[in-house]
Amino acid sequence: MSAETDTQTFIDSTIKGHDIVLFMKGTPEAPKCGFSSLVVQVLDHLGAEYVGVDVLQDNDLREGIKTYSDWPTIPQLYVKGEFIGGADIVREMFQSGELKTALTEQGVIEA
């Protein structure tokens, strides 16, 4: 198996294995970019439990997640296997209340 196949398998199993996954630069405790930090703050504010995956640890992973989602930027938020979006989309959904509603309806946070 190629590194690309291994990376795609890792991404797929991570997304399917957890309710909320954030592919980000850095960790939830120490984000390495403002966009990742913003999404971490939103998720923490909503009380969501999530897994943060640091794409800076592995270039194959950093490029692989962009291929997986067909989305060019990081961070990337997944809820129940579904790609939600990056920092701008998460911020807009949070400000409109749509994100809280969606996470509540998915059963991953309490209303």
PDB file of N, CA and C in Angstrom:
ATOM      1  N   MET A   1       0.840  -1.196   0.000  1.00  0.00           N
ATOM      2  CA  MET A   1       0.000   0.000   0.000  1.00  0.00           C
ATOM      3  C   MET A   1       0.873   1.242   0.000  1.00  0.00           C
ATOM      4  N   SER A   2       0.421   2.239  -0.685  1.00  0.00           N
ATOM      5  CA  SER A   2       1.175   3.486  -0.753  1.00  0.00           C
ATOM      6  C   SER A   2       0.903   4.334   0.483  1.00  0.00           C
ATOM      7  N   ALA A   3       1.758   5.309   0.685  1.00  0.00           N
ATOM      8  CA  ALA A   3       1.555   6.243   1.797  1.00  0.00           C
ATOM      9  C   ALA A   3       0.233   6.979   1.623  1.00  0.00           C
ATOM     10  N   GLU A   4      -0.112   7.283   0.361  1.00  0.00           N
ATOM     11  CA  GLU A   4      -1.368   7.989   0.098  1.00  0.00           C
ATOM     12  C   GLU A   4      -2.562   7.136   0.510  1.00  0.00           C
ATOM     13  N   THR A   5      -2.515   5.847   0.184  1.00  0.00           N
ATOM     14  CA  THR A   5      -3.604   4.936   0.566  1.00  0.00           C
ATOM     15  C   THR A   5      -3.696   4.834   2.086  1.00  0.00           C
ATOM     16  N   ASP A   6      -2.544   4.684   2.739  1.00  0.00           N
ATOM     17  CA  ASP A   6      -2.518   4.608   4.202  1.00  0.00           C
ATOM     18  C   ASP A   6      -3.099   5.879   4.818  1.00  0.00           C
ATOM     19  N   THR A   7      -2.734   7.028   4.269  1.00  0.00           N
ATOM     20  CA  THR A   7      -3.210   8.312   4.785  1.00  0.00           C
ATOM     21  C   THR A   7      -4.721   8.417   4.613  1.00  0.00           C
ATOM     22  N   GLN A   8      -5.229   8.064   3.436  1.00  0.00           N
ATOM     23  CA  GLN A   8      -6.671   8.137   3.192  1.00  0.00           C
ATOM     24  C   GLN A   8      -7.421   7.175   4.122  1.00  0.00           C
ATOM     25  N   THR A   9      -6.854   5.999   4.362  1.00  0.00           N
ATOM     26  CA  THR A   9      -7.464   5.031   5.283  1.00  0.00           C
ATOM     27  C   THR A   9      -7.502   5.595   6.696  1.00  0.00           C
ATOM     28  N   PHE A  10      -6.393   6.228   7.139  1.00  0.00           N
ATOM     29  CA  PHE A  10      -6.334   6.845   8.465  1.00  0.00           C
ATOM     30  C   PHE A  10      -7.387   7.946   8.593  1.00  0.00           C
ATOM     31  N   ILE A  11      -7.456   8.823   7.584  1.00  0.00           N
ATOM     32  CA  ILE A  11      -8.433   9.922   7.613  1.00  0.00           C
ATOM     33  C   ILE A  11      -9.847   9.363   7.693  1.00  0.00           C
ATOM     34  N   ASP A  12     -10.154   8.411   6.831  1.00  0.00           N
ATOM     35  CA  ASP A  12     -11.493   7.822   6.779  1.00  0.00           C
ATOM     36  C   ASP A  12     -11.865   7.160   8.103  1.00  0.00           C
ATOM     37  N   SER A  13     -10.948   6.373   8.657  1.00  0.00           N
ATOM     38  CA  SER A  13     -11.257   5.676   9.910  1.00  0.00           C
ATOM     39  C   SER A  13     -11.379   6.651  11.080  1.00  0.00           C
ATOM     40  N   THR A  14     -10.589   7.726  11.064  1.00  0.00           N
ATOM     41  CA  THR A  14     -10.680   8.739  12.124  1.00  0.00           C
ATOM     42  C   THR A  14     -12.026   9.447  12.072  1.00  0.00           C
ATOM     43  N   ILE A  15     -12.431   9.841  10.870  1.00  0.00           N
ATOM     44  CA  ILE A  15     -13.703  10.547  10.705  1.00  0.00           C
ATOM     45  C   ILE A  15     -14.878   9.638  11.073  1.00  0.00           C
ATOM     46  N   LYS A  16     -14.807   8.380  10.688  1.00  0.00           N
ATOM     47  CA  LYS A  16     -15.901   7.446  10.976  1.00  0.00           C
ATOM     48  C   LYS A  16     -15.887   6.959  12.420  1.00  0.00           C
ATOM     49  N   GLY A  17     -14.741   7.078  13.076  1.00  0.00           N
ATOM     50  CA  GLY A  17     -14.595   6.556  14.434  1.00  0.00           C
ATOM     51  C   GLY A  17     -14.941   7.542  15.535  1.00  0.00           C
ATOM     52  N   HIS A  18     -15.201   8.789  15.173  1.00  0.00           N
ATOM     53  CA  HIS A  18     -15.477   9.825  16.180  1.00  0.00           C
ATOM     54  C   HIS A  18     -16.623  10.700  15.704  1.00  0.00           C
ATOM     55  N   ASP A  19     -17.436  11.186  16.640  1.00  0.00           N
ATOM     56  CA  ASP A  19     -18.571  12.035  16.282  1.00  0.00           C
ATOM     57  C   ASP A  19     -18.123  13.364  15.681  1.00  0.00           C
ATOM     58  N   ILE A  20     -17.098  13.981  16.294  1.00  0.00           N
ATOM     59  CA  ILE A  20     -16.613  15.269  15.803  1.00  0.00           C
ATOM     60  C   ILE A  20     -15.093  15.187  15.665  1.00  0.00           C
ATOM     61  N   VAL A  21     -14.608  15.511  14.475  1.00  0.00           N
ATOM     62  CA  VAL A  21     -13.160  15.509  14.222  1.00  0.00           C
ATOM     63  C   VAL A  21     -12.786  16.853  13.604  1.00  0.00           C
ATOM     64  N   LEU A  22     -11.732  17.443  14.134  1.00  0.00           N
ATOM     65  CA  LEU A  22     -11.200  18.693  13.593  1.00  0.00           C
ATOM     66  C   LEU A  22      -9.778  18.442  13.121  1.00  0.00           C
ATOM     67  N   PHE A  23      -9.588  18.486  11.804  1.00  0.00           N
ATOM     68  CA  PHE A  23      -8.241  18.451  11.243  1.00  0.00           C
ATOM     69  C   PHE A  23      -7.740  19.881  11.285  1.00  0.00           C
ATOM     70  N   MET A  24      -6.633  20.095  11.994  1.00  0.00           N
ATOM     71  CA  MET A  24      -6.213  21.447  12.316  1.00  0.00           C
ATOM     72  C   MET A  24      -4.697  21.564  12.323  1.00  0.00           C
ATOM     73  N   LYS A  25      -4.223  22.797  12.401  1.00  0.00           N
ATOM     74  CA  LYS A  25      -2.802  23.053  12.581  1.00  0.00           C
ATOM     75  C   LYS A  25      -2.571  23.228  14.074  1.00  0.00           C
ATOM     76  N   GLY A  26      -1.811  22.296  14.651  1.00  0.00           N
ATOM     77  CA  GLY A  26      -1.593  22.291  16.089  1.00  0.00           C
ATOM     78  C   GLY A  26      -2.580  21.357  16.770  1.00  0.00           C
ATOM     79  N   THR A  27      -2.742  21.551  18.061  1.00  0.00           N
ATOM     80  CA  THR A  27      -3.648  20.729  18.858  1.00  0.00           C
ATOM     81  C   THR A  27      -4.718  21.623  19.482  1.00  0.00           C
ATOM     82  N   PRO A  28      -5.816  21.021  19.966  1.00  0.00           N
ATOM     83  CA  PRO A  28      -6.832  21.857  20.628  1.00  0.00           C
ATOM     84  C   PRO A  28      -6.251  22.674  21.789  1.00  0.00           C
ATOM     85  N   GLU A  29      -5.256  22.113  22.482  1.00  0.00           N
ATOM     86  CA  GLU A  29      -4.641  22.821  23.608  1.00  0.00           C
ATOM     87  C   GLU A  29      -3.685  23.917  23.145  1.00  0.00           C
ATOM     88  N   ALA A  30      -3.137  23.748  21.943  1.00  0.00           N
ATOM     89  CA  ALA A  30      -2.155  24.717  21.432  1.00  0.00           C
ATOM     90  C   ALA A  30      -2.283  24.850  19.915  1.00  0.00           C
ATOM     91  N   PRO A  31      -3.351  25.526  19.455  1.00  0.00           N
ATOM     92  CA  PRO A  31      -3.511  25.725  18.010  1.00  0.00           C
ATOM     93  C   PRO A  31      -2.341  26.517  17.436  1.00  0.00           C
ATOM     94  N   LYS A  32      -1.955  26.184  16.197  1.00  0.00           N
ATOM     95  CA  LYS A  32      -0.796  26.829  15.573  1.00  0.00           C
ATOM     96  C   LYS A  32      -1.194  27.841  14.497  1.00  0.00           C
ATOM     97  N   CYS A  33      -2.486  28.129  14.360  1.00  0.00           N
ATOM     98  CA  CYS A  33      -2.902  29.197  13.450  1.00  0.00           C
ATOM     99  C   CYS A  33      -4.226  29.772  13.944  1.00  0.00           C
ATOM    100  N   GLY A  34      -4.497  30.988  13.539  1.00  0.00           N
ATOM    101  CA  GLY A  34      -5.694  31.681  14.006  1.00  0.00           C
ATOM    102  C   GLY A  34      -6.984  31.001  13.584  1.00  0.00           C
ATOM    103  N   PHE A  35      -6.991  30.420  12.388  1.00  0.00           N
ATOM    104  CA  PHE A  35      -8.209  29.767  11.905  1.00  0.00           C
ATOM    105  C   PHE A  35      -8.514  28.517  12.726  1.00  0.00           C
ATOM    106  N   SER A  36      -7.466  27.726  13.007  1.00  0.00           N
ATOM    107  CA  SER A  36      -7.661  26.542  13.846  1.00  0.00           C
ATOM    108  C   SER A  36      -8.107  26.958  15.244  1.00  0.00           C
ATOM    109  N   SER A  37      -7.495  28.009  15.771  1.00  0.00           N
ATOM    110  CA  SER A  37      -7.842  28.515  17.092  1.00  0.00           C
ATOM    111  C   SER A  37      -9.314  28.934  17.150  1.00  0.00           C
ATOM    112  N   LEU A  38      -9.781  29.592  16.111  1.00  0.00           N
ATOM    113  CA  LEU A  38     -11.168  30.039  16.063  1.00  0.00           C
ATOM    114  C   LEU A  38     -12.135  28.850  16.156  1.00  0.00           C
ATOM    115  N   VAL A  39     -11.875  27.796  15.394  1.00  0.00           N
ATOM    116  CA  VAL A  39     -12.770  26.636  15.408  1.00  0.00           C
ATOM    117  C   VAL A  39     -12.714  25.939  16.765  1.00  0.00           C
ATOM    118  N   VAL A  40     -11.535  25.842  17.359  1.00  0.00           N
ATOM    119  CA  VAL A  40     -11.385  25.265  18.700  1.00  0.00           C
ATOM    120  C   VAL A  40     -12.222  26.070  19.704  1.00  0.00           C
ATOM    121  N   GLN A  41     -12.141  27.399  19.635  1.00  0.00           N
ATOM    122  CA  GLN A  41     -12.901  28.249  20.558  1.00  0.00           C
ATOM    123  C   GLN A  41     -14.405  28.030  20.399  1.00  0.00           C
ATOM    124  N   VAL A  42     -14.867  27.915  19.164  1.00  0.00           N
ATOM    125  CA  VAL A  42     -16.297  27.697  18.905  1.00  0.00           C
ATOM    126  C   VAL A  42     -16.732  26.352  19.488  1.00  0.00           C
ATOM    127  N   LEU A  43     -15.972  25.299  19.191  1.00  0.00           N
ATOM    128  CA  LEU A  43     -16.338  23.969  19.685  1.00  0.00           C
ATOM    129  C   LEU A  43     -16.306  23.922  21.209  1.00  0.00           C
ATOM    130  N   ASP A  44     -15.283  24.536  21.806  1.00  0.00           N
ATOM    131  CA  ASP A  44     -15.192  24.569  23.273  1.00  0.00           C
ATOM    132  C   ASP A  44     -16.355  25.358  23.864  1.00  0.00           C
ATOM    133  N   HIS A  45     -16.705  26.471  23.254  1.00  0.00           N
ATOM    134  CA  HIS A  45     -17.819  27.303  23.720  1.00  0.00           C
ATOM    135  C   HIS A  45     -19.133  26.508  23.697  1.00  0.00           C
ATOM    136  N   LEU A  46     -19.304  25.695  22.669  1.00  0.00           N
ATOM    137  CA  LEU A  46     -20.529  24.895  22.544  1.00  0.00           C
ATOM    138  C   LEU A  46     -20.504  23.642  23.423  1.00  0.00           C
ATOM    139  N   GLY A  47     -19.367  23.372  24.028  1.00  0.00           N
ATOM    140  CA  GLY A  47     -19.256  22.203  24.900  1.00  0.00           C
ATOM    141  C   GLY A  47     -19.155  20.895  24.130  1.00  0.00           C
ATOM    142  N   ALA A  48     -18.670  20.965  22.909  1.00  0.00           N
ATOM    143  CA  ALA A  48     -18.561  19.771  22.077  1.00  0.00           C
ATOM    144  C   ALA A  48     -17.310  18.974  22.445  1.00  0.00           C
ATOM    145  N   GLU A  49     -17.453  17.653  22.491  1.00  0.00           N
ATOM    146  CA  GLU A  49     -16.293  16.784  22.645  1.00  0.00           C
ATOM    147  C   GLU A  49     -15.837  16.412  21.247  1.00  0.00           C
ATOM    148  N   TYR A  50     -14.559  16.598  20.987  1.00  0.00           N
ATOM    149  CA  TYR A  50     -14.059  16.359  19.633  1.00  0.00           C
ATOM    150  C   TYR A  50     -12.618  15.868  19.676  1.00  0.00           C
ATOM    151  N   VAL A  51     -12.204  15.320  18.562  1.00  0.00           N
ATOM    152  CA  VAL A  51     -10.827  14.877  18.386  1.00  0.00           C
ATOM    153  C   VAL A  51     -10.131  15.875  17.470  1.00  0.00           C
ATOM    154  N   GLY A  52      -9.007  16.396  17.904  1.00  0.00           N
ATOM    155  CA  GLY A  52      -8.198  17.276  17.074  1.00  0.00           C
ATOM    156  C   GLY A  52      -7.059  16.487  16.457  1.00  0.00           C
ATOM    157  N   VAL A  53      -6.887  16.596  15.153  1.00  0.00           N
ATOM    158  CA  VAL A  53      -5.803  15.909  14.450  1.00  0.00           C
ATOM    159  C   VAL A  53      -4.861  16.971  13.895  1.00  0.00           C
ATOM    160  N   ASP A  54      -3.606  16.945  14.366  1.00  0.00           N
ATOM    161  CA  ASP A  54      -2.609  17.941  13.974  1.00  0.00           C
ATOM    162  C   ASP A  54      -1.995  17.565  12.627  1.00  0.00           C
ATOM    163  N   VAL A  55      -2.358  18.311  11.589  1.00  0.00           N
ATOM    164  CA  VAL A  55      -1.855  18.011  10.248  1.00  0.00           C
ATOM    165  C   VAL A  55      -0.399  18.459  10.063  1.00  0.00           C
ATOM    166  N   LEU A  56       0.126  19.247  10.992  1.00  0.00           N
ATOM    167  CA  LEU A  56       1.512  19.702  10.867  1.00  0.00           C
ATOM    168  C   LEU A  56       2.502  18.578  11.180  1.00  0.00           C
ATOM    169  N   GLN A  57       2.028  17.496  11.778  1.00  0.00           N
ATOM    170  CA  GLN A  57       2.909  16.382  12.127  1.00  0.00           C
ATOM    171  C   GLN A  57       3.278  15.530  10.917  1.00  0.00           C
ATOM    172  N   ASP A  58       2.515  15.658   9.827  1.00  0.00           N
ATOM    173  CA  ASP A  58       2.691  14.746   8.700  1.00  0.00           C
ATOM    174  C   ASP A  58       2.242  15.427   7.409  1.00  0.00           C
ATOM    175  N   ASN A  59       3.181  15.647   6.497  1.00  0.00           N
ATOM    176  CA  ASN A  59       2.856  16.325   5.245  1.00  0.00           C
ATOM    177  C   ASN A  59       1.859  15.524   4.409  1.00  0.00           C
ATOM    178  N   ASP A  60       1.977  14.172   4.435  1.00  0.00           N
ATOM    179  CA  ASP A  60       1.018  13.341   3.702  1.00  0.00           C
ATOM    180  C   ASP A  60      -0.392  13.570   4.235  1.00  0.00           C
ATOM    181  N   LEU A  61      -0.507  13.699   5.545  1.00  0.00           N
ATOM    182  CA  LEU A  61      -1.813  13.950   6.160  1.00  0.00           C
ATOM    183  C   LEU A  61      -2.324  15.338   5.785  1.00  0.00           C
ATOM    184  N   ARG A  62      -1.442  16.330   5.817  1.00  0.00           N
ATOM    185  CA  ARG A  62      -1.843  17.709   5.494  1.00  0.00           C
ATOM    186  C   ARG A  62      -2.372  17.794   4.066  1.00  0.00           C
ATOM    187  N   GLU A  63      -1.710  17.121   3.138  1.00  0.00           N
ATOM    188  CA  GLU A  63      -2.181  17.132   1.751  1.00  0.00           C
ATOM    189  C   GLU A  63      -3.345  16.166   1.557  1.00  0.00           C
ATOM    190  N   GLY A  64      -3.296  15.052   2.280  1.00  0.00           N
ATOM    191  CA  GLY A  64      -4.316  14.012   2.133  1.00  0.00           C
ATOM    192  C   GLY A  64      -5.707  14.462   2.541  1.00  0.00           C
ATOM    193  N   ILE A  65      -5.802  15.282   3.596  1.00  0.00           N
ATOM    194  CA  ILE A  65      -7.125  15.735   4.038  1.00  0.00           C
ATOM    195  C   ILE A  65      -7.727  16.681   3.007  1.00  0.00           C
ATOM    196  N   LYS A  66      -6.885  17.439   2.319  1.00  0.00           N
ATOM    197  CA  LYS A  66      -7.379  18.336   1.266  1.00  0.00           C
ATOM    198  C   LYS A  66      -7.948  17.527   0.104  1.00  0.00           C
ATOM    199  N   THR A  67      -7.298  16.413  -0.214  1.00  0.00           N
ATOM    200  CA  THR A  67      -7.780  15.518  -1.272  1.00  0.00           C
ATOM    201  C   THR A  67      -9.067  14.828  -0.835  1.00  0.00           C
ATOM    202  N   TYR A  68      -9.080  14.367   0.417  1.00  0.00           N
ATOM    203  CA  TYR A  68     -10.227  13.629   0.950  1.00  0.00           C
ATOM    204  C   TYR A  68     -11.508  14.454   0.850  1.00  0.00           C
ATOM    205  N   SER A  69     -11.418  15.723   1.237  1.00  0.00           N
ATOM    206  CA  SER A  69     -12.604  16.582   1.299  1.00  0.00           C
ATOM    207  C   SER A  69     -12.810  17.393   0.023  1.00  0.00           C
ATOM    208  N   ASP A  70     -11.786  17.428  -0.815  1.00  0.00           N
ATOM    209  CA  ASP A  70     -11.787  18.312  -1.971  1.00  0.00           C
ATOM    210  C   ASP A  70     -11.972  19.763  -1.509  1.00  0.00           C
ATOM    211  N   TRP A  71     -11.301  20.095  -0.414  1.00  0.00           N
ATOM    212  CA  TRP A  71     -11.354  21.426   0.198  1.00  0.00           C
ATOM    213  C   TRP A  71      -9.910  21.875   0.399  1.00  0.00           C
ATOM    214  N   PRO A  72      -9.540  23.063  -0.056  1.00  0.00           N
ATOM    215  CA  PRO A  72      -8.121  23.427  -0.126  1.00  0.00           C
ATOM    216  C   PRO A  72      -7.477  23.916   1.169  1.00  0.00           C
ATOM    217  N   THR A  73      -8.262  24.173   2.197  1.00  0.00           N
ATOM    218  CA  THR A  73      -7.683  24.797   3.390  1.00  0.00           C
ATOM    219  C   THR A  73      -7.908  23.971   4.642  1.00  0.00           C
ATOM    220  N   ILE A  74      -7.137  24.315   5.662  1.00  0.00           N
ATOM    221  CA  ILE A  74      -7.225  23.695   6.978  1.00  0.00           C
ATOM    222  C   ILE A  74      -7.431  24.841   7.953  1.00  0.00           C
ATOM    223  N   PRO A  75      -8.278  24.721   8.948  1.00  0.00           N
ATOM    224  CA  PRO A  75      -8.883  23.513   9.502  1.00  0.00           C
ATOM    225  C   PRO A  75     -10.081  23.010   8.697  1.00  0.00           C
ATOM    226  N   GLN A  76     -10.422  21.756   8.999  1.00  0.00           N
ATOM    227  CA  GLN A  76     -11.605  21.132   8.422  1.00  0.00           C
ATOM    228  C   GLN A  76     -12.353  20.418   9.543  1.00  0.00           C
ATOM    229  N   LEU A  77     -13.650  20.697   9.631  1.00  0.00           N
ATOM    230  CA  LEU A  77     -14.482  20.127  10.681  1.00  0.00           C
ATOM    231  C   LEU A  77     -15.424  19.077  10.097  1.00  0.00           C
ATOM    232  N   TYR A  78     -15.456  17.920  10.755  1.00  0.00           N
ATOM    233  CA  TYR A  78     -16.356  16.823  10.374  1.00  0.00           C
ATOM    234  C   TYR A  78     -17.249  16.487  11.560  1.00  0.00           C
ATOM    235  N   VAL A  79     -18.537  16.311  11.299  1.00  0.00           N
ATOM    236  CA  VAL A  79     -19.484  15.906  12.334  1.00  0.00           C
ATOM    237  C   VAL A  79     -20.235  14.688  11.822  1.00  0.00           C
ATOM    238  N   LYS A  80     -20.149  13.601  12.589  1.00  0.00           N
ATOM    239  CA  LYS A  80     -20.819  12.342  12.223  1.00  0.00           C
ATOM    240  C   LYS A  80     -20.488  11.942  10.784  1.00  0.00           C
ATOM    241  N   GLY A  81     -19.220  12.098  10.411  1.00  0.00           N
ATOM    242  CA  GLY A  81     -18.758  11.680   9.098  1.00  0.00           C
ATOM    243  C   GLY A  81     -18.981  12.683   7.984  1.00  0.00           C
ATOM    244  N   GLU A  82     -19.676  13.775   8.281  1.00  0.00           N
ATOM    245  CA  GLU A  82     -20.002  14.757   7.252  1.00  0.00           C
ATOM    246  C   GLU A  82     -19.078  15.968   7.353  1.00  0.00           C
ATOM    247  N   PHE A  83     -18.537  16.387   6.204  1.00  0.00           N
ATOM    248  CA  PHE A  83     -17.680  17.574   6.168  1.00  0.00           C
ATOM    249  C   PHE A  83     -18.543  18.816   6.347  1.00  0.00           C
ATOM    250  N   ILE A  84     -18.228  19.604   7.368  1.00  0.00           N
ATOM    251  CA  ILE A  84     -18.975  20.831   7.651  1.00  0.00           C
ATOM    252  C   ILE A  84     -18.340  22.014   6.934  1.00  0.00           C
ATOM    253  N   GLY A  85     -17.026  22.167   7.074  1.00  0.00           N
ATOM    254  CA  GLY A  85     -16.346  23.260   6.418  1.00  0.00           C
ATOM    255  C   GLY A  85     -15.122  23.703   7.190  1.00  0.00           C
ATOM    256  N   GLY A  86     -14.601  24.855   6.776  1.00  0.00           N
ATOM    257  CA  GLY A  86     -13.440  25.441   7.420  1.00  0.00           C
ATOM    258  C   GLY A  86     -13.841  26.540   8.387  1.00  0.00           C
ATOM    259  N   ALA A  87     -12.862  27.353   8.762  1.00  0.00           N
ATOM    260  CA  ALA A  87     -13.072  28.366   9.798  1.00  0.00           C
ATOM    261  C   ALA A  87     -14.169  29.367   9.450  1.00  0.00           C
ATOM    262  N   ASP A  88     -14.197  29.858   8.216  1.00  0.00           N
ATOM    263  CA  ASP A  88     -15.205  30.861   7.847  1.00  0.00           C
ATOM    264  C   ASP A  88     -16.611  30.283   7.931  1.00  0.00           C
ATOM    265  N   ILE A  89     -16.791  29.076   7.436  1.00  0.00           N
ATOM    266  CA  ILE A  89     -18.118  28.437   7.465  1.00  0.00           C
ATOM    267  C   ILE A  89     -18.529  28.147   8.903  1.00  0.00           C
ATOM    268  N   VAL A  90     -17.592  27.631   9.702  1.00  0.00           N
ATOM    269  CA  VAL A  90     -17.896  27.342  11.111  1.00  0.00           C
ATOM    270  C   VAL A  90     -18.277  28.626  11.838  1.00  0.00           C
ATOM    271  N   ARG A  91     -17.523  29.708  11.597  1.00  0.00           N
ATOM    272  CA  ARG A  91     -17.834  30.996  12.259  1.00  0.00           C
ATOM    273  C   ARG A  91     -19.221  31.489  11.860  1.00  0.00           C
ATOM    274  N   GLU A  92     -19.523  31.441  10.566  1.00  0.00           N
ATOM    275  CA  GLU A  92     -20.837  31.900  10.101  1.00  0.00           C
ATOM    276  C   GLU A  92     -21.962  31.048  10.697  1.00  0.00           C
ATOM    277  N   MET A  93     -21.759  29.735  10.707  1.00  0.00           N
ATOM    278  CA  MET A  93     -22.785  28.848  11.260  1.00  0.00           C
ATOM    279  C   MET A  93     -22.964  29.074  12.756  1.00  0.00           C
ATOM    280  N   PHE A  94     -21.860  29.350  13.460  1.00  0.00           N
ATOM    281  CA  PHE A  94     -21.924  29.619  14.889  1.00  0.00           C
ATOM    282  C   PHE A  94     -22.679  30.913  15.148  1.00  0.00           C
ATOM    283  N   GLN A  95     -22.325  31.964  14.405  1.00  0.00           N
ATOM    284  CA  GLN A  95     -22.953  33.274  14.621  1.00  0.00           C
ATOM    285  C   GLN A  95     -24.442  33.247  14.317  1.00  0.00           C
ATOM    286  N   SER A  96     -24.864  32.442  13.356  1.00  0.00           N
ATOM    287  CA  SER A  96     -26.276  32.370  12.987  1.00  0.00           C
ATOM    288  C   SER A  96     -27.063  31.417  13.893  1.00  0.00           C
ATOM    289  N   GLY A  97     -26.341  30.634  14.701  1.00  0.00           N
ATOM    290  CA  GLY A  97     -26.998  29.643  15.552  1.00  0.00           C
ATOM    291  C   GLY A  97     -27.166  28.304  14.865  1.00  0.00           C
ATOM    292  N   GLU A  98     -26.843  28.251  13.581  1.00  0.00           N
ATOM    293  CA  GLU A  98     -27.033  27.036  12.791  1.00  0.00           C
ATOM    294  C   GLU A  98     -26.134  25.893  13.283  1.00  0.00           C
ATOM    295  N   LEU A  99     -24.913  26.211  13.711  1.00  0.00           N
ATOM    296  CA  LEU A  99     -23.986  25.171  14.151  1.00  0.00           C
ATOM    297  C   LEU A  99     -24.498  24.497  15.418  1.00  0.00           C
ATOM    298  N   LYS A 100     -24.943  25.294  16.380  1.00  0.00           N
ATOM    299  CA  LYS A 100     -25.461  24.721  17.626  1.00  0.00           C
ATOM    300  C   LYS A 100     -26.662  23.832  17.329  1.00  0.00           C
ATOM    301  N   THR A 101     -27.552  24.295  16.474  1.00  0.00           N
ATOM    302  CA  THR A 101     -28.728  23.510  16.090  1.00  0.00           C
ATOM    303  C   THR A 101     -28.311  22.199  15.441  1.00  0.00           C
ATOM    304  N   ALA A 102     -27.372  22.271  14.507  1.00  0.00           N
ATOM    305  CA  ALA A 102     -26.920  21.069  13.797  1.00  0.00           C
ATOM    306  C   ALA A 102     -26.273  20.074  14.756  1.00  0.00           C
ATOM    307  N   LEU A 103     -25.433  20.552  15.659  1.00  0.00           N
ATOM    308  CA  LEU A 103     -24.759  19.660  16.610  1.00  0.00           C
ATOM    309  C   LEU A 103     -25.760  19.066  17.598  1.00  0.00           C
ATOM    310  N   THR A 104     -26.757  19.845  17.978  1.00  0.00           N
ATOM    311  CA  THR A 104     -27.805  19.339  18.873  1.00  0.00           C
ATOM    312  C   THR A 104     -28.619  18.257  18.172  1.00  0.00           C
ATOM    313  N   GLU A 105     -28.996  18.537  16.933  1.00  0.00           N
ATOM    314  CA  GLU A 105     -29.792  17.569  16.169  1.00  0.00           C
ATOM    315  C   GLU A 105     -29.017  16.271  15.914  1.00  0.00           C
ATOM    316  N   GLN A 106     -27.713  16.376  15.777  1.00  0.00           N
ATOM    317  CA  GLN A 106     -26.863  15.185  15.572  1.00  0.00           C
ATOM    318  C   GLN A 106     -26.636  14.440  16.896  1.00  0.00           C
ATOM    319  N   GLY A 107     -27.029  15.062  18.008  1.00  0.00           N
ATOM    320  CA  GLY A 107     -26.890  14.418  19.303  1.00  0.00           C
ATOM    321  C   GLY A 107     -25.476  14.477  19.867  1.00  0.00           C
ATOM    322  N   VAL A 108     -24.650  15.407  19.370  1.00  0.00           N
ATOM    323  CA  VAL A 108     -23.279  15.484  19.842  1.00  0.00           C
ATOM    324  C   VAL A 108     -23.054  16.570  20.902  1.00  0.00           C
ATOM    325  N   ILE A 109     -24.045  17.458  21.072  1.00  0.00           N
ATOM    326  CA  ILE A 109     -24.046  18.387  22.205  1.00  0.00           C
ATOM    327  C   ILE A 109     -25.480  18.456  22.736  1.00  0.00           C
ATOM    328  N   GLU A 110     -25.581  18.925  23.965  1.00  0.00           N
ATOM    329  CA  GLU A 110     -26.910  19.080  24.547  1.00  0.00           C
ATOM    330  C   GLU A 110     -27.414  20.481  24.286  1.00  0.00           C
ATOM    331  N   ALA A 111     -28.716  20.590  24.109  1.00  0.00           N
ATOM    332  CA  ALA A 111     -29.334  21.887  23.791  1.00  0.00           C
ATOM    333  C   ALA A 111     -29.159  22.874  24.926  1.00  0.00           C
TER     334      ALA A 111
END
